[in-house]
């Protein structure tokens, strides 16, 4: 029997954060496994049986939901299993989660707190090992199928006449831009969360400050810090990324790469919000999204 086939069940803890109902894992991660507002749809994918069985690595369980990885993507590091106990500490309007140290001594922390309509997710990589590690927090949110991911496009000119290019698009080797799931527009690139068996991934520097996922009558928005041109990022500078296959859609944000010395840490914050569409056109809602959320902590 392989590790992938061995008996194992994720255990969760659920609680209310103002308008949001949330669930986190107690024995994997740290992970956020559910994120719902009122009677709206479950935005996060549930993947209890999905994982990666990579050579020279033990079986990594996706589980779905939101996780903290560390960049760059290297199988022996990225897919190191995290299915061990997580320390949970609740406080007013939030919870802290601390995972076990990985093989390099990096400990993953996720802190969640609710501030009005905003859910603030702070990710930290703490070096409790024996050597400096060059890495970056990489926040990945797996969304349930049936919706549409939005990667907004900047319209800001690079020069006063609008003659110079103002954006880049990063592509992965398996990405086919002819795929029906892609819709390219002047103000956004949309990626449909379909069940068609295929893989695709695109990314860009984060010029607009946010990404979104439209599902049912609600829009999930997550903000992160706008791209810093003076910093170094992995993945050709793609500080925001969208991945999809037939199981889920991922909204991903990555912080700049840093040299994290022993005893030090590096942090990356996202702010989440769910917006009711109601009778308003989706285009109007997206057009009004600011570069940073109200009362930004980014």
Protein backbone atom coordinates (compact mmCIF):
# COMPACT_ATOMS: atom_id res chain seq x y z
CA UNK A 1 0.00 0.00 0.00
CA UNK A 2 1.39 3.42 -0.98
CA UNK A 3 1.21 6.55 1.15
CA UNK A 4 -1.44 7.89 -1.22
CA UNK A 5 -3.61 4.85 -0.44
CA UNK A 6 -3.05 4.85 3.31
CA UNK A 7 -5.94 5.85 5.60
CA UNK A 8 -5.90 9.54 6.41
CA UNK A 9 -8.66 12.09 6.96
CA UNK A 10 -8.37 15.83 7.33
CA UNK A 11 -9.93 17.28 10.48
CA UNK A 12 -11.27 20.82 10.51
CA UNK A 13 -12.34 23.60 12.83
CA UNK A 14 -15.14 25.95 11.72
CA UNK A 15 -16.05 29.37 13.06
CA UNK A 16 -17.76 32.65 12.15
CA UNK A 17 -15.91 35.83 11.24
CA UNK A 18 -18.56 38.52 10.97
CA UNK A 19 -20.27 37.92 7.62
CA UNK A 20 -17.94 35.04 6.78
CA UNK A 21 -18.10 31.37 7.75
CA UNK A 22 -14.69 29.74 7.55
CA UNK A 23 -13.07 26.36 8.19
CA UNK A 24 -9.38 25.58 8.72
CA UNK A 25 -7.43 22.34 8.97
CA UNK A 26 -6.21 20.98 12.28
CA UNK A 27 -3.89 18.32 10.88
CA UNK A 28 -2.50 19.71 7.61
CA UNK A 29 -1.02 22.92 6.41
CA UNK A 30 -1.80 25.50 7.67
CA UNK A 31 -4.80 25.50 5.32
CA UNK A 32 -8.10 27.36 4.89
CA UNK A 33 -10.61 24.81 3.57
CA UNK A 34 -13.89 26.74 3.44
CA UNK A 35 -14.85 30.38 2.84
CA UNK A 36 -18.54 31.29 2.54
CA UNK A 37 -20.59 34.46 3.00
CA UNK A 38 -24.17 34.05 4.26
CA UNK A 39 -26.05 31.68 1.97
CA UNK A 40 -23.69 32.15 -0.94
CA UNK A 41 -21.68 29.50 -2.77
CA UNK A 42 -18.62 27.74 -1.38
CA UNK A 43 -15.77 29.45 -3.20
CA UNK A 44 -12.99 27.04 -2.23
CA UNK A 45 -12.47 23.73 -4.01
CA UNK A 46 -12.66 20.52 -1.96
CA UNK A 47 -10.09 17.94 -3.10
CA UNK A 48 -9.74 15.35 -0.33
CA UNK A 49 -8.29 12.70 -2.66
CA UNK A 50 -6.09 14.83 -4.94
CA UNK A 51 -2.34 15.02 -4.60
CA UNK A 52 1.10 14.73 -6.16
CA UNK A 53 3.16 11.55 -5.98
CA UNK A 54 6.50 12.85 -7.22
CA UNK A 55 9.76 10.84 -7.45
CA UNK A 56 12.01 11.37 -4.42
CA UNK A 57 9.11 12.95 -2.50
CA UNK A 58 6.39 11.60 -0.28
CA UNK A 59 2.77 12.04 -1.34
CA UNK A 60 1.59 15.67 -1.14
CA UNK A 61 -2.13 16.16 -0.47
CA UNK A 62 -3.82 19.15 -2.12
CA UNK A 63 -7.04 18.99 -0.04
CA UNK A 64 -8.26 22.14 -1.83
CA UNK A 65 -8.82 25.53 -0.27
CA UNK A 66 -6.02 27.98 0.47
CA UNK A 67 -2.43 27.07 1.25
CA UNK A 68 0.98 28.67 1.73
CA UNK A 69 3.80 27.38 -0.42
CA UNK A 70 7.26 28.83 -0.82
CA UNK A 71 8.70 29.86 -4.14
CA UNK A 72 10.47 28.81 -6.36
CA UNK A 73 8.63 25.66 -7.39
CA UNK A 74 11.05 22.79 -6.84
CA UNK A 75 9.45 19.34 -6.39
CA UNK A 76 11.62 18.22 -3.49
CA UNK A 77 10.73 21.43 -1.61
CA UNK A 78 7.35 22.51 -2.92
CA UNK A 79 5.69 19.09 -2.68
CA UNK A 80 7.04 18.24 0.75
CA UNK A 81 4.00 16.89 2.66
CA UNK A 82 2.41 19.08 5.32
CA UNK A 83 -0.13 16.61 6.72
CA UNK A 84 0.86 17.01 10.35
CA UNK A 85 -0.74 18.78 13.31
CA UNK A 86 -1.30 22.53 13.10
CA UNK A 87 -1.28 24.76 16.17
CA UNK A 88 -4.45 26.87 16.27
CA UNK A 89 -4.82 29.95 18.48
CA UNK A 90 -8.14 31.78 18.32
CA UNK A 91 -8.59 35.45 19.21
CA UNK A 92 -11.37 38.01 18.73
CA UNK A 93 -12.36 37.98 15.06
CA UNK A 94 -9.55 35.68 13.96
CA UNK A 95 -7.20 32.74 14.33
CA UNK A 96 -3.46 32.04 14.05
CA UNK A 97 -2.24 28.81 12.46
CA UNK A 98 1.29 27.44 12.70
CA UNK A 99 2.49 24.35 10.86
CA UNK A 100 5.42 22.04 11.44
CA UNK A 101 8.93 22.92 10.21
CA UNK A 102 9.88 21.55 6.80
CA UNK A 103 13.20 19.86 6.01
CA UNK A 104 14.95 23.24 5.72
CA UNK A 105 13.55 24.46 9.04
CA UNK A 106 10.99 26.81 7.47
CA UNK A 107 7.80 27.12 9.53
CA UNK A 108 4.62 28.31 7.81
CA UNK A 109 2.30 30.71 9.64
CA UNK A 110 -1.11 31.93 8.48
CA UNK A 111 -3.01 34.53 10.49
CA UNK A 112 -6.65 35.31 9.68
CA UNK A 113 -8.60 38.25 11.03
CA UNK A 114 -11.81 39.97 10.00
CA UNK A 115 -11.93 43.75 9.63
CA UNK A 116 -15.45 44.74 8.61
CA UNK A 117 -16.10 43.24 5.18
CA UNK A 118 -12.42 42.39 4.69
CA UNK A 119 -10.68 39.16 5.66
CA UNK A 120 -6.97 39.83 6.19
CA UNK A 121 -4.74 36.80 5.51
CA UNK A 122 -1.14 37.25 6.64
CA UNK A 123 1.36 34.62 5.52
CA UNK A 124 4.77 34.22 7.12
CA UNK A 125 7.74 31.96 6.45
CA UNK A 126 9.90 31.75 9.58
CA UNK A 127 13.40 30.32 9.34
CA UNK A 128 14.00 28.04 12.32
CA UNK A 129 16.68 26.06 10.49
CA UNK A 130 20.46 26.29 10.36
CA UNK A 131 21.12 28.25 7.15
CA UNK A 132 19.84 31.22 5.16
CA UNK A 133 17.08 30.28 2.71
CA UNK A 134 16.31 32.25 -0.47
CA UNK A 135 12.56 32.04 -0.91
CA UNK A 136 9.26 33.91 -1.09
CA UNK A 137 5.76 33.34 0.33
CA UNK A 138 3.44 31.97 -2.33
CA UNK A 139 -0.28 32.15 -1.51
CA UNK A 140 -2.47 29.77 -3.52
CA UNK A 141 -6.27 29.68 -3.43
CA UNK A 142 -7.99 26.75 -5.15
CA UNK A 143 -11.42 27.80 -6.35
CA UNK A 144 -14.43 25.54 -6.99
CA UNK A 145 -15.28 24.86 -10.64
CA UNK A 146 -18.17 26.58 -12.37
CA UNK A 147 -16.96 30.16 -12.06
CA UNK A 148 -14.68 32.53 -13.94
CA UNK A 149 -11.29 33.83 -12.83
CA UNK A 150 -10.43 37.42 -13.65
CA UNK A 151 -6.91 38.75 -14.22
CA UNK A 152 -7.36 42.52 -14.61
CA UNK A 153 -5.34 44.43 -17.18
CA UNK A 154 -3.75 47.81 -16.65
CA UNK A 155 -4.58 50.64 -19.03
CA UNK A 156 -1.87 52.94 -17.71
CA UNK A 157 0.49 54.17 -20.39
CA UNK A 158 4.21 53.50 -20.16
CA UNK A 159 4.85 56.84 -21.91
CA UNK A 160 2.83 59.97 -22.51
CA UNK A 161 1.99 59.03 -26.10
CA UNK A 162 1.00 55.42 -25.47
CA UNK A 163 3.56 54.09 -27.93
CA UNK A 164 5.51 51.80 -25.59
CA UNK A 165 4.29 48.42 -24.27
CA UNK A 166 2.64 48.58 -20.85
CA UNK A 167 2.30 44.90 -19.77
CA UNK A 168 3.71 41.42 -20.10
CA UNK A 169 2.11 37.97 -20.09
CA UNK A 170 3.97 34.98 -18.66
CA UNK A 171 3.12 31.55 -20.08
CA UNK A 172 3.90 28.01 -18.91
CA UNK A 173 4.96 25.29 -21.41
CA UNK A 174 1.61 23.47 -21.30
CA UNK A 175 -0.51 26.61 -21.86
CA UNK A 176 -2.44 26.79 -25.15
CA UNK A 177 -3.81 30.28 -25.74
CA UNK A 178 -6.31 28.84 -28.22
CA UNK A 179 -8.16 27.08 -25.39
CA UNK A 180 -11.85 27.86 -25.12
CA UNK A 181 -11.46 28.71 -21.41
CA UNK A 182 -9.57 31.92 -22.27
CA UNK A 183 -11.27 35.22 -23.04
CA UNK A 184 -8.93 38.13 -23.77
CA UNK A 185 -10.22 41.66 -23.36
CA UNK A 186 -8.79 45.14 -23.09
CA UNK A 187 -9.58 45.40 -19.38
CA UNK A 188 -9.21 41.75 -18.30
CA UNK A 189 -8.27 38.20 -19.13
CA UNK A 190 -10.94 35.71 -18.06
CA UNK A 191 -10.34 32.00 -17.41
CA UNK A 192 -13.33 29.70 -17.19
CA UNK A 193 -13.42 27.01 -14.51
CA UNK A 194 -14.51 24.15 -16.76
CA UNK A 195 -14.27 20.36 -16.41
CA UNK A 196 -12.44 19.90 -19.72
CA UNK A 197 -9.33 17.75 -19.12
CA UNK A 198 -6.45 20.14 -19.78
CA UNK A 199 -3.93 22.32 -17.98
CA UNK A 200 -3.14 25.98 -18.47
CA UNK A 201 -1.37 28.71 -16.54
CA UNK A 202 -0.75 32.40 -17.13
CA UNK A 203 0.74 35.15 -15.00
CA UNK A 204 1.57 38.85 -14.91
CA UNK A 205 3.16 41.44 -12.67
CA UNK A 206 0.46 42.61 -10.26
CA UNK A 207 -0.31 46.09 -11.65
CA UNK A 208 -3.95 46.38 -10.56
CA UNK A 209 -3.60 45.04 -7.01
CA UNK A 210 -6.36 42.43 -7.22
CA UNK A 211 -7.61 39.20 -8.77
CA UNK A 212 -11.17 37.89 -8.72
CA UNK A 213 -13.36 34.82 -9.14
CA UNK A 214 -17.00 35.13 -10.15
CA UNK A 215 -19.24 32.30 -8.93
CA UNK A 216 -23.01 32.42 -8.89
CA UNK A 217 -24.26 35.78 -7.62
CA UNK A 218 -21.04 36.68 -5.79
CA UNK A 219 -17.53 37.87 -6.63
CA UNK A 220 -14.52 36.77 -4.58
CA UNK A 221 -11.75 39.39 -4.67
CA UNK A 222 -8.27 39.07 -3.26
CA UNK A 223 -5.82 41.93 -3.07
CA UNK A 224 -2.07 41.76 -2.58
CA UNK A 225 0.72 44.31 -2.78
CA UNK A 226 1.20 45.93 -6.18
CA UNK A 227 4.26 44.70 -8.06
CA UNK A 228 7.54 46.27 -6.92
CA UNK A 229 9.73 46.87 -9.97
CA UNK A 230 12.80 47.26 -7.77
CA UNK A 231 12.35 43.75 -6.30
CA UNK A 232 13.15 40.29 -7.66
CA UNK A 233 10.36 37.77 -8.30
CA UNK A 234 10.39 34.20 -9.52
CA UNK A 235 8.46 33.01 -12.60
CA UNK A 236 9.66 35.83 -14.88
CA UNK A 237 8.12 38.41 -12.59
CA UNK A 238 4.60 36.94 -12.51
CA UNK A 239 3.51 38.13 -9.07
CA UNK A 240 -0.09 37.14 -9.91
CA UNK A 241 -0.95 33.84 -11.58
CA UNK A 242 -3.97 31.79 -12.65
CA UNK A 243 -3.82 28.02 -13.09
CA UNK A 244 -6.68 25.73 -14.11
CA UNK A 245 -7.35 22.11 -14.86
CA UNK A 246 -10.46 19.93 -14.78
CA UNK A 247 -10.52 19.90 -10.94
CA UNK A 248 -10.09 23.53 -9.83
CA UNK A 249 -8.92 27.04 -10.67
CA UNK A 250 -6.09 28.63 -8.69
CA UNK A 251 -5.63 32.32 -7.89
CA UNK A 252 -2.00 32.74 -6.87
CA UNK A 253 0.05 35.66 -5.56
CA UNK A 254 3.79 35.68 -4.88
CA UNK A 255 5.92 38.06 -2.83
CA UNK A 256 9.42 39.20 -3.83
CA UNK A 257 12.25 36.75 -3.24
CA UNK A 258 14.24 37.37 -0.06
CA UNK A 259 17.25 35.93 1.75
CA UNK A 260 15.69 34.73 5.01
CA UNK A 261 18.41 34.33 7.63
CA UNK A 262 18.12 31.99 10.61
CA UNK A 263 15.71 33.50 13.14
CA UNK A 264 14.18 35.86 10.59
CA UNK A 265 10.96 35.74 8.60
CA UNK A 266 9.34 37.07 5.45
CA UNK A 267 5.66 38.00 5.18
CA UNK A 268 3.02 38.38 2.48
CA UNK A 269 -0.50 39.71 3.08
CA UNK A 270 -3.69 39.21 1.11
CA UNK A 271 -7.07 40.84 1.75
CA UNK A 272 -10.18 38.87 0.73
CA UNK A 273 -13.69 40.13 0.19
CA UNK A 274 -16.93 38.72 -1.22
CA UNK A 275 -19.14 41.15 -3.12
CA UNK A 276 -22.81 40.51 -3.93
CA UNK A 277 -23.52 41.14 -7.61
CA UNK A 278 -27.23 41.91 -7.16
CA UNK A 279 -28.71 43.94 -10.01
CA UNK A 280 -25.42 45.67 -10.84
CA UNK A 281 -23.54 44.76 -14.03
CA UNK A 282 -20.40 42.75 -13.33
CA UNK A 283 -18.39 45.15 -15.51
CA UNK A 284 -19.34 48.03 -13.23
CA UNK A 285 -18.33 46.14 -10.09
CA UNK A 286 -14.93 45.18 -11.51
CA UNK A 287 -14.31 48.68 -12.88
CA UNK A 288 -14.81 50.18 -9.42
CA UNK A 289 -12.41 47.88 -7.58
CA UNK A 290 -9.57 49.97 -6.14
CA UNK A 291 -5.87 49.11 -6.28
CA UNK A 292 -6.01 48.53 -2.52
CA UNK A 293 -8.99 47.67 -0.30
CA UNK A 294 -10.44 50.16 2.14
CA UNK A 295 -8.23 50.47 5.23
CA UNK A 296 -5.50 48.53 3.43
CA UNK A 297 -2.88 46.67 5.45
CA UNK A 298 -0.94 45.55 2.39
